[in-house]
Amino acid sequence: MALKTRKWRRIENGGLSFTELGFGTAPLGNLYRAIGDDEARNILDMAWDGGVRYYDTAPLYGLGLSETRLNRFLRGKNRDDYVLATKAGRLMQVCGPEDREGIGKWFEVPTRRVVYDYSYDGVMRSLEFSLERLGVDRVDILYVHDLCIFTHGSKAASDARIEEFMSSGYDAMISLRDQGVVKAIGGGINEWEVCQTLAERGDFDLFLLAGRYTLLEQEALDSFLPLCESRGIGIVIGGPYNSGILATGPTPDAFYNYDPAPAPILEKVRRIEAVCRSHGVSLIDAAFQFPLINRNVVSVIPGGQSGEQMASNLRAAEATIPPALWADLKEQGLMREDAPTE
């Protein structure tokens, strides 16, 4: 099976070819529940057989588990047949069980605590460790990870981490790209405002924006996405289902932005789903296809923690959405008027 692809080429290094459906591997790090190695491998095999050729990981995902599971999967595959991204900014340090990172979030994972390090040496060490866990000779994309308020707790703390990175770790990324060690550098971040700050201050190729340009949220159109368009910066959309609610619909146990969905979000999704249903379209298909209409978006990377979820993602990647659906959403005030729909 062949998925649609999109070419990114900003600088003269050959660029990268992305499948419109990529694979976000945080769930393979036993996010919220544990899955076995065989099940994880089956999901990855299903993605590959379905045509997926872009894989995104990070040291944080399962405290190294996601990268080591990708190791088994990628071994023996032609390295030029897929695009691989990982992230820097956190180093994993052995610790006692009581000090482990993410208790209640990551299950059956290595006993590690996170040390934030956005310095030059921290970026270099992070990449070296990732290459060992992944068992590959190179990654294609290196993102700085989570310089956001969501992660660090306040704007002041986020700003301090941005300064730490731009004064040191950024130089490491530029050096890695200049040497051809990686083809692209960018940020994997939960807030478009932080992405915009980085884009204004540095020379970045790609941003992985998690959950902030979706069927529910389009504020990134204010200034960030136009800036990316003007500079040829590609966008990978993570969290296209806003932590699940755009996949499950407005169920009582639906999650939005990693927490139980509040009543106003449930109501908005209920209305969006009704419009989708009136056009014979499933909510998840519309949620997946919407970001791809934006010309800067190169790939959408939902996670998959079961064969059923992976199958759903593959179906969504092949879906065709009638233009009248987007028009109706705008007419009912459920989508921004300036959101691209063609």
C-alpha atoms as a PDB file:
ATOM      1  CA  MET A   1       0.000   0.000   0.000  1.00  0.00           C
ATOM      2  CA  ALA A   2       1.323   3.473  -0.852  1.00  0.00           C
ATOM      3  CA  LEU A   3       0.340   6.546   1.114  1.00  0.00           C
ATOM      4  CA  LYS A   4       0.448  10.041  -0.337  1.00  0.00           C
ATOM      5  CA  THR A   5       3.762  11.796   0.217  1.00  0.00           C
ATOM      6  CA  ARG A   6       4.878  15.400   0.577  1.00  0.00           C
ATOM      7  CA  LYS A   7       8.315  16.740  -0.237  1.00  0.00           C
ATOM      8  CA  TRP A   8      10.088  19.164   2.079  1.00  0.00           C
ATOM      9  CA  ARG A   9      13.071  20.992   0.687  1.00  0.00           C
ATOM     10  CA  ARG A  10      14.139  24.240   2.327  1.00  0.00           C
ATOM     11  CA  ILE A  11      17.902  24.110   1.963  1.00  0.00           C
ATOM     12  CA  GLU A  12      20.117  22.504  -0.650  1.00  0.00           C
ATOM     13  CA  ASN A  13      20.640  19.104   0.965  1.00  0.00           C
ATOM     14  CA  GLY A  14      18.147  17.018  -0.963  1.00  0.00           C
ATOM     15  CA  GLY A  15      15.250  17.534   1.403  1.00  0.00           C
ATOM     16  CA  LEU A  16      13.009  14.821   2.829  1.00  0.00           C
ATOM     17  CA  SER A  17       9.951  12.956   1.592  1.00  0.00           C
ATOM     18  CA  PHE A  18       7.209  12.513   4.206  1.00  0.00           C
ATOM     19  CA  THR A  19       4.227  10.217   4.105  1.00  0.00           C
ATOM     20  CA  GLU A  20       1.131  12.256   4.945  1.00  0.00           C
ATOM     21  CA  LEU A  21       0.489   9.738   7.708  1.00  0.00           C
ATOM     22  CA  GLY A  22       3.435   9.438  10.057  1.00  0.00           C
ATOM     23  CA  PHE A  23       3.810   7.435  13.253  1.00  0.00           C
ATOM     24  CA  GLY A  24       4.075   9.191  16.601  1.00  0.00           C
ATOM     25  CA  THR A  25       5.656   6.626  18.903  1.00  0.00           C
ATOM     26  CA  ALA A  26       4.874   7.997  22.380  1.00  0.00           C
ATOM     27  CA  PRO A  27       2.197   5.276  22.866  1.00  0.00           C
ATOM     28  CA  LEU A  28       4.846   2.635  22.152  1.00  0.00           C
ATOM     29  CA  GLY A  29       6.626   3.914  25.257  1.00  0.00           C
ATOM     30  CA  ASN A  30       3.739   2.505  27.330  1.00  0.00           C
ATOM     31  CA  LEU A  31       1.983   5.832  27.678  1.00  0.00           C
ATOM     32  CA  TYR A  32      -0.957   5.453  30.114  1.00  0.00           C
ATOM     33  CA  ARG A  33      -0.875   1.657  29.807  1.00  0.00           C
ATOM     34  CA  ALA A  34       1.661  -1.074  29.173  1.00  0.00           C
ATOM     35  CA  ILE A  35       1.732  -3.056  25.964  1.00  0.00           C
ATOM     36  CA  GLY A  36       4.058  -5.970  25.285  1.00  0.00           C
ATOM     37  CA  ASP A  37       6.952  -6.034  22.837  1.00  0.00           C
ATOM     38  CA  ASP A  38       5.106  -8.333  20.444  1.00  0.00           C
ATOM     39  CA  GLU A  39       2.047  -6.086  20.353  1.00  0.00           C
ATOM     40  CA  ALA A  40       4.217  -3.024  19.783  1.00  0.00           C
ATOM     41  CA  ARG A  41       5.990  -4.792  16.922  1.00  0.00           C
ATOM     42  CA  ASN A  42       2.695  -5.860  15.369  1.00  0.00           C
ATOM     43  CA  ILE A  43       1.457  -2.252  15.375  1.00  0.00           C
ATOM     44  CA  LEU A  44       4.692  -1.050  13.760  1.00  0.00           C
ATOM     45  CA  ASP A  45       4.500  -3.805  11.151  1.00  0.00           C
ATOM     46  CA  MET A  46       0.918  -2.832  10.405  1.00  0.00           C
ATOM     47  CA  ALA A  47       1.986   0.794   9.903  1.00  0.00           C
ATOM     48  CA  TRP A  48       4.848  -0.193   7.605  1.00  0.00           C
ATOM     49  CA  ASP A  49       2.647  -2.533   5.567  1.00  0.00           C
ATOM     50  CA  GLY A  50       0.152   0.332   5.295  1.00  0.00           C
ATOM     51  CA  GLY A  51       2.819   2.550   3.755  1.00  0.00           C
ATOM     52  CA  VAL A  52       3.934   4.682   6.713  1.00  0.00           C
ATOM     53  CA  ARG A  53       7.524   5.855   6.246  1.00  0.00           C
ATOM     54  CA  TYR A  54       7.907   8.672   8.786  1.00  0.00           C
ATOM     55  CA  TYR A  55       8.601   7.738  12.417  1.00  0.00           C
ATOM     56  CA  ASP A  56       8.885  10.210  15.268  1.00  0.00           C
ATOM     57  CA  THR A  57      10.319   9.359  18.667  1.00  0.00           C
ATOM     58  CA  ALA A  58      12.056  10.954  21.667  1.00  0.00           C
ATOM     59  CA  PRO A  59      14.116   9.873  24.691  1.00  0.00           C
ATOM     60  CA  LEU A  60      11.180  10.860  26.911  1.00  0.00           C
ATOM     61  CA  TYR A  61       8.765   8.361  25.347  1.00  0.00           C
ATOM     62  CA  GLY A  62       8.855   5.460  27.754  1.00  0.00           C
ATOM     63  CA  LEU A  63      12.155   6.808  29.148  1.00  0.00           C
ATOM     64  CA  GLY A  64      13.982   5.193  26.239  1.00  0.00           C
ATOM     65  CA  LEU A  65      11.533   2.335  25.591  1.00  0.00           C
ATOM     66  CA  SER A  66      10.066   3.838  22.421  1.00  0.00           C
ATOM     67  CA  GLU A  67      13.520   4.186  20.854  1.00  0.00           C
ATOM     68  CA  THR A  68      14.568   0.659  21.785  1.00  0.00           C
ATOM     69  CA  ARG A  69      11.348  -0.780  20.349  1.00  0.00           C
ATOM     70  CA  LEU A  70      12.023   1.081  17.118  1.00  0.00           C
ATOM     71  CA  ASN A  71      15.503  -0.486  17.138  1.00  0.00           C
ATOM     72  CA  ARG A  72      14.099  -4.001  16.706  1.00  0.00           C
ATOM     73  CA  PHE A  73      11.621  -2.845  14.097  1.00  0.00           C
ATOM     74  CA  LEU A  74      14.025  -0.842  11.915  1.00  0.00           C
ATOM     75  CA  ARG A  75      16.839  -3.382  11.972  1.00  0.00           C
ATOM     76  CA  GLY A  76      17.268  -4.864   8.511  1.00  0.00           C
ATOM     77  CA  LYS A  77      15.230  -2.176   6.749  1.00  0.00           C
ATOM     78  CA  ASN A  78      16.927  -0.038   4.104  1.00  0.00           C
ATOM     79  CA  ARG A  79      17.869   3.184   5.884  1.00  0.00           C
ATOM     80  CA  ASP A  80      16.958   5.268   2.852  1.00  0.00           C
ATOM     81  CA  ASP A  81      13.392   3.915   2.842  1.00  0.00           C
ATOM     82  CA  TYR A  82      12.139   5.897   5.852  1.00  0.00           C
ATOM     83  CA  VAL A  83      12.430   9.252   7.631  1.00  0.00           C
ATOM     84  CA  LEU A  84      13.346   9.156  11.329  1.00  0.00           C
ATOM     85  CA  ALA A  85      13.133  11.959  13.884  1.00  0.00           C
ATOM     86  CA  THR A  86      14.094  12.164  17.533  1.00  0.00           C
ATOM     87  CA  LYS A  87      14.469  14.956  20.052  1.00  0.00           C
ATOM     88  CA  ALA A  88      16.931  16.554  22.469  1.00  0.00           C
ATOM     89  CA  GLY A  89      16.607  18.468  25.719  1.00  0.00           C
ATOM     90  CA  ARG A  90      16.232  15.661  28.221  1.00  0.00           C
ATOM     91  CA  LEU A  91      18.878  13.207  29.363  1.00  0.00           C
ATOM     92  CA  MET A  92      17.836   9.974  31.064  1.00  0.00           C
ATOM     93  CA  GLN A  93      19.591   9.249  34.355  1.00  0.00           C
ATOM     94  CA  VAL A  94      19.432   5.996  36.334  1.00  0.00           C
ATOM     95  CA  CYS A  95      17.645   6.479  39.659  1.00  0.00           C
ATOM     96  CA  GLY A  96      15.785   4.682  42.400  1.00  0.00           C
ATOM     97  CA  PRO A  97      12.233   3.451  41.678  1.00  0.00           C
ATOM     98  CA  GLU A  98      10.701   6.155  43.870  1.00  0.00           C
ATOM     99  CA  ASP A  99      12.388   8.900  41.813  1.00  0.00           C
ATOM    100  CA  ARG A 100      11.371   7.614  38.402  1.00  0.00           C
ATOM    101  CA  GLU A 101       9.971  10.120  35.928  1.00  0.00           C
ATOM    102  CA  GLY A 102       6.310   9.891  34.991  1.00  0.00           C
ATOM    103  CA  ILE A 103       4.946   7.506  37.613  1.00  0.00           C
ATOM    104  CA  GLY A 104       1.290   6.993  36.640  1.00  0.00           C
ATOM    105  CA  LYS A 105       1.990   8.163  33.079  1.00  0.00           C
ATOM    106  CA  TRP A 106       4.592   5.694  31.777  1.00  0.00           C
ATOM    107  CA  PHE A 107       4.162   2.030  32.698  1.00  0.00           C
ATOM    108  CA  GLU A 108       6.699  -0.808  32.851  1.00  0.00           C
ATOM    109  CA  VAL A 109       9.536   1.400  31.648  1.00  0.00           C
ATOM    110  CA  PRO A 110      13.217   1.745  32.637  1.00  0.00           C
ATOM    111  CA  THR A 111      13.842   3.367  36.007  1.00  0.00           C
ATOM    112  CA  ARG A 112      15.098   6.769  34.916  1.00  0.00           C
ATOM    113  CA  ARG A 113      14.730  10.363  35.964  1.00  0.00           C
ATOM    114  CA  VAL A 114      14.839  13.278  33.550  1.00  0.00           C
ATOM    115  CA  VAL A 115      17.624  15.836  33.588  1.00  0.00           C
ATOM    116  CA  TYR A 116      16.789  18.831  31.407  1.00  0.00           C
ATOM    117  CA  ASP A 117      19.799  19.912  29.401  1.00  0.00           C
ATOM    118  CA  TYR A 118      19.467  22.297  26.460  1.00  0.00           C
ATOM    119  CA  SER A 119      23.190  23.048  26.278  1.00  0.00           C
ATOM    120  CA  TYR A 120      25.570  22.300  23.403  1.00  0.00           C
ATOM    121  CA  ASP A 121      26.936  19.248  25.191  1.00  0.00           C
ATOM    122  CA  GLY A 122      23.451  18.193  26.244  1.00  0.00           C
ATOM    123  CA  VAL A 123      22.202  18.172  22.662  1.00  0.00           C
ATOM    124  CA  MET A 124      25.241  16.227  21.460  1.00  0.00           C
ATOM    125  CA  ARG A 125      24.997  13.677  24.264  1.00  0.00           C
ATOM    126  CA  SER A 126      21.262  13.269  23.761  1.00  0.00           C
ATOM    127  CA  LEU A 127      21.711  12.485  20.071  1.00  0.00           C
ATOM    128  CA  GLU A 128      24.537  10.040  20.807  1.00  0.00           C
ATOM    129  CA  PHE A 129      22.403   8.174  23.342  1.00  0.00           C
ATOM    130  CA  SER A 130      19.437   8.127  20.940  1.00  0.00           C
ATOM    131  CA  LEU A 131      21.547   6.658  18.147  1.00  0.00           C
ATOM    132  CA  GLU A 132      22.617   3.869  20.512  1.00  0.00           C
ATOM    133  CA  ARG A 133      19.045   3.108  21.625  1.00  0.00           C
ATOM    134  CA  LEU A 134      17.752   3.248  18.053  1.00  0.00           C
ATOM    135  CA  GLY A 135      20.604   1.177  16.655  1.00  0.00           C
ATOM    136  CA  VAL A 136      20.947   3.412  13.578  1.00  0.00           C
ATOM    137  CA  ASP A 137      23.791   5.471  12.164  1.00  0.00           C
ATOM    138  CA  ARG A 138      21.776   8.633  11.679  1.00  0.00           C
ATOM    139  CA  VAL A 139      18.475  10.351  12.231  1.00  0.00           C
ATOM    140  CA  ASP A 140      17.032  12.702   9.637  1.00  0.00           C
ATOM    141  CA  ILE A 141      15.496  15.288  11.941  1.00  0.00           C
ATOM    142  CA  LEU A 142      16.529  16.501  15.377  1.00  0.00           C
ATOM    143  CA  TYR A 143      13.978  18.545  17.307  1.00  0.00           C
ATOM    144  CA  VAL A 144      14.558  20.456  20.513  1.00  0.00           C
ATOM    145  CA  HIS A 145      11.895  19.062  22.840  1.00  0.00           C
ATOM    146  CA  ASP A 146       9.353  20.844  25.047  1.00  0.00           C
ATOM    147  CA  LEU A 147      10.622  24.378  25.602  1.00  0.00           C
ATOM    148  CA  CYS A 148       7.044  25.235  26.494  1.00  0.00           C
ATOM    149  CA  ILE A 149       5.046  26.526  29.460  1.00  0.00           C
ATOM    150  CA  PHE A 150       3.109  23.248  29.519  1.00  0.00           C
ATOM    151  CA  THR A 151       6.325  21.378  30.371  1.00  0.00           C
ATOM    152  CA  HIS A 152       8.202  23.874  32.528  1.00  0.00           C
ATOM    153  CA  GLY A 153       5.286  25.353  34.462  1.00  0.00           C
ATOM    154  CA  SER A 154       5.478  29.089  33.748  1.00  0.00           C
ATOM    155  CA  LYS A 155       6.359  31.558  31.027  1.00  0.00           C
ATOM    156  CA  ALA A 156       9.405  32.655  33.000  1.00  0.00           C
ATOM    157  CA  ALA A 157      10.671  29.081  33.205  1.00  0.00           C
ATOM    158  CA  SER A 158       9.921  28.503  29.522  1.00  0.00           C
ATOM    159  CA  ASP A 159      11.743  31.714  28.567  1.00  0.00           C
ATOM    160  CA  ALA A 160      14.763  30.661  30.638  1.00  0.00           C
ATOM    161  CA  ARG A 161      14.926  27.308  28.836  1.00  0.00           C
ATOM    162  CA  ILE A 162      14.624  29.057  25.472  1.00  0.00           C
ATOM    163  CA  GLU A 163      17.554  31.285  26.408  1.00  0.00           C
ATOM    164  CA  GLU A 164      19.575  28.265  27.539  1.00  0.00           C
ATOM    165  CA  PHE A 165      18.931  26.548  24.236  1.00  0.00           C
ATOM    166  CA  MET A 166      19.460  29.522  21.918  1.00  0.00           C
ATOM    167  CA  SER A 167      22.723  30.467  23.645  1.00  0.00           C
ATOM    168  CA  SER A 168      24.207  26.966  23.462  1.00  0.00           C
ATOM    169  CA  GLY A 169      22.234  23.953  22.244  1.00  0.00           C
ATOM    170  CA  TYR A 170      21.108  25.755  19.096  1.00  0.00           C
ATOM    171  CA  ASP A 171      24.736  25.979  17.956  1.00  0.00           C
ATOM    172  CA  ALA A 172      25.018  22.206  18.314  1.00  0.00           C
ATOM    173  CA  MET A 173      21.989  21.704  16.082  1.00  0.00           C
ATOM    174  CA  ILE A 174      23.337  24.098  13.455  1.00  0.00           C
ATOM    175  CA  SER A 175      26.665  22.281  13.530  1.00  0.00           C
ATOM    176  CA  LEU A 176      24.985  18.884  13.128  1.00  0.00           C
ATOM    177  CA  ARG A 177      23.020  20.141  10.138  1.00  0.00           C
ATOM    178  CA  ASP A 178      26.023  21.893   8.565  1.00  0.00           C
ATOM    179  CA  GLN A 179      28.053  18.681   8.839  1.00  0.00           C
ATOM    180  CA  GLY A 180      25.255  16.648   7.273  1.00  0.00           C
ATOM    181  CA  VAL A 181      24.759  14.561  10.416  1.00  0.00           C
ATOM    182  CA  VAL A 182      21.049  15.503  10.270  1.00  0.00           C
ATOM    183  CA  LYS A 183      19.101  16.948   7.348  1.00  0.00           C
ATOM    184  CA  ALA A 184      16.755  19.142   9.334  1.00  0.00           C
ATOM    185  CA  ILE A 185      16.479  20.801  12.724  1.00  0.00           C
ATOM    186  CA  GLY A 186      13.466  22.148  14.534  1.00  0.00           C
ATOM    187  CA  GLY A 187      11.325  22.032  17.634  1.00  0.00           C
ATOM    188  CA  GLY A 188       8.816  19.524  18.989  1.00  0.00           C
ATOM    189  CA  ILE A 189       6.614  21.746  21.125  1.00  0.00           C
ATOM    190  CA  ASN A 190       3.081  21.989  22.543  1.00  0.00           C
ATOM    191  CA  GLU A 191       2.630  25.751  22.037  1.00  0.00           C
ATOM    192  CA  TRP A 192       2.723  27.617  18.727  1.00  0.00           C
ATOM    193  CA  GLU A 193       3.826  30.792  20.486  1.00  0.00           C
ATOM    194  CA  VAL A 194       7.093  29.113  21.534  1.00  0.00           C
ATOM    195  CA  CYS A 195       7.555  27.759  18.010  1.00  0.00           C
ATOM    196  CA  GLN A 196       7.139  31.287  16.691  1.00  0.00           C
ATOM    197  CA  THR A 197       9.718  32.655  19.135  1.00  0.00           C
ATOM    198  CA  LEU A 198      12.222  30.072  17.921  1.00  0.00           C
ATOM    199  CA  ALA A 199      11.401  30.737  14.266  1.00  0.00           C
ATOM    200  CA  GLU A 200      11.984  34.446  14.785  1.00  0.00           C
ATOM    201  CA  ARG A 201      15.307  33.917  16.546  1.00  0.00           C
ATOM    202  CA  GLY A 202      16.900  31.060  14.619  1.00  0.00           C
ATOM    203  CA  ASP A 203      17.191  29.214  11.327  1.00  0.00           C
ATOM    204  CA  PHE A 204      14.859  26.231  11.709  1.00  0.00           C
ATOM    205  CA  ASP A 205      13.543  23.827   9.087  1.00  0.00           C
ATOM    206  CA  LEU A 206      10.586  22.039  10.688  1.00  0.00           C
ATOM    207  CA  PHE A 207       8.349  22.318  13.706  1.00  0.00           C
ATOM    208  CA  LEU A 208       6.383  19.471  15.235  1.00  0.00           C
ATOM    209  CA  LEU A 209       3.381  21.286  16.670  1.00  0.00           C
ATOM    210  CA  ALA A 210       1.405  19.093  19.060  1.00  0.00           C
ATOM    211  CA  GLY A 211      -2.333  19.649  19.341  1.00  0.00           C
ATOM    212  CA  ARG A 212      -2.396  23.323  18.376  1.00  0.00           C
ATOM    213  CA  TYR A 213      -3.573  23.238  14.769  1.00  0.00           C
ATOM    214  CA  THR A 214      -6.516  20.902  14.689  1.00  0.00           C
ATOM    215  CA  LEU A 215     -10.198  20.753  13.901  1.00  0.00           C
ATOM    216  CA  LEU A 216     -10.688  22.221  17.392  1.00  0.00           C
ATOM    217  CA  GLU A 217      -7.940  24.857  17.461  1.00  0.00           C
ATOM    218  CA  GLN A 218      -6.654  27.172  14.757  1.00  0.00           C
ATOM    219  CA  GLU A 219      -5.086  30.069  16.682  1.00  0.00           C
ATOM    220  CA  ALA A 220      -1.729  29.240  15.062  1.00  0.00           C
ATOM    221  CA  LEU A 221      -3.145  30.980  11.971  1.00  0.00           C
ATOM    222  CA  ASP A 222      -2.792  34.328  13.748  1.00  0.00           C
ATOM    223  CA  SER A 223       0.904  34.673  12.975  1.00  0.00           C
ATOM    224  CA  PHE A 224       2.885  31.444  13.315  1.00  0.00           C
ATOM    225  CA  LEU A 225       1.683  29.554  10.248  1.00  0.00           C
ATOM    226  CA  PRO A 226       1.986  32.611   7.968  1.00  0.00           C
ATOM    227  CA  LEU A 227       5.562  33.072   9.256  1.00  0.00           C
ATOM    228  CA  CYS A 228       6.357  29.449   8.403  1.00  0.00           C
ATOM    229  CA  GLU A 229       4.934  29.887   4.930  1.00  0.00           C
ATOM    230  CA  SER A 230       7.074  32.966   4.318  1.00  0.00           C
ATOM    231  CA  ARG A 231      10.227  31.098   5.362  1.00  0.00           C
ATOM    232  CA  GLY A 232       9.579  27.702   3.823  1.00  0.00           C
ATOM    233  CA  ILE A 233       9.384  26.029   7.235  1.00  0.00           C
ATOM    234  CA  GLY A 234       7.554  22.701   7.235  1.00  0.00           C
ATOM    235  CA  ILE A 235       5.028  21.700   9.898  1.00  0.00           C
ATOM    236  CA  VAL A 236       4.424  18.244  11.315  1.00  0.00           C
ATOM    237  CA  ILE A 237       1.141  18.024  13.188  1.00  0.00           C
ATOM    238  CA  GLY A 238       1.230  15.935  16.343  1.00  0.00           C
ATOM    239  CA  GLY A 239      -1.830  15.268  18.482  1.00  0.00           C
ATOM    240  CA  PRO A 240      -4.316  15.801  15.630  1.00  0.00           C
ATOM    241  CA  TYR A 241      -7.062  14.332  17.792  1.00  0.00           C
ATOM    242  CA  ASN A 242      -6.334  16.660  20.751  1.00  0.00           C
ATOM    243  CA  SER A 243      -5.433  13.782  23.091  1.00  0.00           C
ATOM    244  CA  GLY A 244      -8.288  11.640  21.860  1.00  0.00           C
ATOM    245  CA  ILE A 245     -11.562  13.546  21.798  1.00  0.00           C
ATOM    246  CA  LEU A 246     -11.493  14.017  18.013  1.00  0.00           C
ATOM    247  CA  ALA A 247     -11.047  10.262  17.655  1.00  0.00           C
ATOM    248  CA  THR A 248     -13.501   9.032  20.276  1.00  0.00           C
ATOM    249  CA  GLY A 249     -16.045  11.830  19.965  1.00  0.00           C
ATOM    250  CA  PRO A 250     -17.588  13.580  22.985  1.00  0.00           C
ATOM    251  CA  THR A 251     -17.843  10.523  25.235  1.00  0.00           C
ATOM    252  CA  PRO A 252     -18.049  11.025  29.026  1.00  0.00           C
ATOM    253  CA  ASP A 253     -14.473   9.754  29.418  1.00  0.00           C
ATOM    254  CA  ALA A 254     -13.042  11.704  26.471  1.00  0.00           C
ATOM    255  CA  PHE A 255      -9.625  13.340  26.910  1.00  0.00           C
ATOM    256  CA  TYR A 256      -8.618  16.782  25.691  1.00  0.00           C
ATOM    257  CA  ASN A 257      -5.066  18.115  26.057  1.00  0.00           C
ATOM    258  CA  TYR A 258      -4.083  15.182  28.315  1.00  0.00           C
ATOM    259  CA  ASP A 259      -6.948  15.785  30.780  1.00  0.00           C
ATOM    260  CA  PRO A 260     -10.660  14.873  30.948  1.00  0.00           C
ATOM    261  CA  ALA A 261     -12.444  17.074  28.420  1.00  0.00           C
ATOM    262  CA  PRO A 262     -14.284  20.065  29.946  1.00  0.00           C
ATOM    263  CA  ALA A 263     -17.938  20.713  29.139  1.00  0.00           C
ATOM    264  CA  PRO A 264     -17.404  23.503  26.543  1.00  0.00           C
ATOM    265  CA  ILE A 265     -15.014  21.283  24.553  1.00  0.00           C
ATOM    266  CA  LEU A 266     -17.426  18.350  24.733  1.00  0.00           C
ATOM    267  CA  GLU A 267     -20.196  20.561  23.391  1.00  0.00           C
ATOM    268  CA  LYS A 268     -18.092  21.949  20.548  1.00  0.00           C
ATOM    269  CA  VAL A 269     -16.996  18.478  19.503  1.00  0.00           C
ATOM    270  CA  ARG A 270     -20.602  17.306  19.670  1.00  0.00           C
ATOM    271  CA  ARG A 271     -21.545  20.041  17.202  1.00  0.00           C
ATOM    272  CA  ILE A 272     -18.573  19.321  14.909  1.00  0.00           C
ATOM    273  CA  GLU A 273     -19.417  15.625  14.911  1.00  0.00           C
ATOM    274  CA  ALA A 274     -23.023  16.387  13.964  1.00  0.00           C
ATOM    275  CA  VAL A 275     -21.844  18.371  10.931  1.00  0.00           C
ATOM    276  CA  CYS A 276     -19.522  15.549   9.930  1.00  0.00           C
ATOM    277  CA  ARG A 277     -22.310  13.015  10.272  1.00  0.00           C
ATOM    278  CA  SER A 278     -24.603  15.118   8.077  1.00  0.00           C
ATOM    279  CA  HIS A 279     -22.020  14.745   5.297  1.00  0.00           C
ATOM    280  CA  GLY A 280     -21.457  11.037   5.861  1.00  0.00           C
ATOM    281  CA  VAL A 281     -17.956  11.622   7.226  1.00  0.00           C
ATOM    282  CA  SER A 282     -16.506  10.235  10.434  1.00  0.00           C
ATOM    283  CA  LEU A 283     -15.128  12.733  12.948  1.00  0.00           C
ATOM    284  CA  ILE A 284     -11.695  11.108  13.023  1.00  0.00           C
ATOM    285  CA  ASP A 285     -11.367  11.251   9.223  1.00  0.00           C
ATOM    286  CA  ALA A 286     -12.169  14.971   9.195  1.00  0.00           C
ATOM    287  CA  ALA A 287      -9.777  15.590  12.097  1.00  0.00           C
ATOM    288  CA  PHE A 288      -6.938  13.851  10.295  1.00  0.00           C
ATOM    289  CA  GLN A 289      -7.496  15.474   6.917  1.00  0.00           C
ATOM    290  CA  PHE A 290      -8.082  19.043   8.118  1.00  0.00           C
ATOM    291  CA  PRO A 291      -4.445  19.995   8.935  1.00  0.00           C
ATOM    292  CA  LEU A 292      -3.207  18.568   5.634  1.00  0.00           C
ATOM    293  CA  ILE A 293      -5.095  21.240   3.709  1.00  0.00           C
ATOM    294  CA  ASN A 294      -2.532  23.771   4.964  1.00  0.00           C
ATOM    295  CA  ARG A 295       0.307  23.905   2.429  1.00  0.00           C
ATOM    296  CA  ASN A 296       2.991  24.061   5.149  1.00  0.00           C
ATOM    297  CA  VAL A 297       1.964  20.757   6.736  1.00  0.00           C
ATOM    298  CA  VAL A 298       4.154  17.857   5.596  1.00  0.00           C
ATOM    299  CA  SER A 299       2.782  15.071   7.799  1.00  0.00           C
ATOM    300  CA  VAL A 300       0.235  14.269  10.497  1.00  0.00           C
ATOM    301  CA  ILE A 301       1.416  11.871  13.202  1.00  0.00           C
ATOM    302  CA  PRO A 302      -1.275  10.391  15.426  1.00  0.00           C
ATOM    303  CA  GLY A 303      -0.160   7.707  17.823  1.00  0.00           C
ATOM    304  CA  GLY A 304      -1.356   4.148  17.752  1.00  0.00           C
ATOM    305  CA  GLN A 305      -1.391   1.825  20.753  1.00  0.00           C
ATOM    306  CA  SER A 306      -3.432  -0.965  19.211  1.00  0.00           C
ATOM    307  CA  GLY A 307      -4.049  -2.560  15.847  1.00  0.00           C
ATOM    308  CA  GLU A 308      -7.518  -1.038  15.843  1.00  0.00           C
ATOM    309  CA  GLN A 309      -6.134   2.477  16.320  1.00  0.00           C
ATOM    310  CA  MET A 310      -3.540   1.946  13.608  1.00  0.00           C
ATOM    311  CA  ALA A 311      -6.192   0.696  11.200  1.00  0.00           C
ATOM    312  CA  SER A 312      -8.288   3.759  11.989  1.00  0.00           C
ATOM    313  CA  ASN A 313      -5.334   6.066  11.237  1.00  0.00           C
ATOM    314  CA  LEU A 314      -4.707   4.312   7.919  1.00  0.00           C
ATOM    315  CA  ARG A 315      -8.362   4.688   6.934  1.00  0.00           C
ATOM    316  CA  ALA A 316      -8.308   8.371   7.880  1.00  0.00           C
ATOM    317  CA  ALA A 317      -5.250   8.934   5.704  1.00  0.00           C
ATOM    318  CA  GLU A 318      -7.190   7.653   2.682  1.00  0.00           C
ATOM    319  CA  ALA A 319     -10.413   9.561   3.405  1.00  0.00           C
ATOM    320  CA  THR A 320     -11.884  12.149   1.050  1.00  0.00           C
ATOM    321  CA  ILE A 321     -13.709  15.052   2.683  1.00  0.00           C
ATOM    322  CA  PRO A 322     -16.378  16.976   0.720  1.00  0.00           C
ATOM    323  CA  PRO A 323     -15.634  20.732   0.635  1.00  0.00           C
ATOM    324  CA  ALA A 324     -19.188  21.427   1.791  1.00  0.00           C
ATOM    325  CA  LEU A 325     -18.330  19.980   5.198  1.00  0.00           C
ATOM    326  CA  TRP A 326     -15.684  22.659   5.823  1.00  0.00           C
ATOM    327  CA  ALA A 327     -18.068  25.336   4.548  1.00  0.00           C
ATOM    328  CA  ASP A 328     -20.764  24.192   6.984  1.00  0.00           C
ATOM    329  CA  LEU A 329     -18.319  24.211   9.904  1.00  0.00           C
ATOM    330  CA  LYS A 330     -17.377  27.802   9.091  1.00  0.00           C
ATOM    331  CA  GLU A 331     -20.996  28.828   8.671  1.00  0.00           C
ATOM    332  CA  GLN A 332     -21.805  27.478  12.126  1.00  0.00           C
ATOM    333  CA  GLY A 333     -18.817  29.216  13.713  1.00  0.00           C
ATOM    334  CA  LEU A 334     -17.042  25.940  14.428  1.00  0.00           C
ATOM    335  CA  MET A 335     -13.978  26.757  12.316  1.00  0.00           C
ATOM    336  CA  ARG A 336     -12.064  29.953  11.698  1.00  0.00           C
ATOM    337  CA  GLU A 337     -13.074  31.772   8.540  1.00  0.00           C
ATOM    338  CA  ASP A 338      -9.429  32.110   7.468  1.00  0.00           C
ATOM    339  CA  ALA A 339      -8.629  28.379   7.884  1.00  0.00           C
ATOM    340  CA  PRO A 340      -7.539  26.944   4.513  1.00  0.00           C
ATOM    341  CA  THR A 341     -10.088  24.440   3.214  1.00  0.00           C
ATOM    342  CA  GLU A 342      -8.897  23.815  -0.332  1.00  0.00           C
END
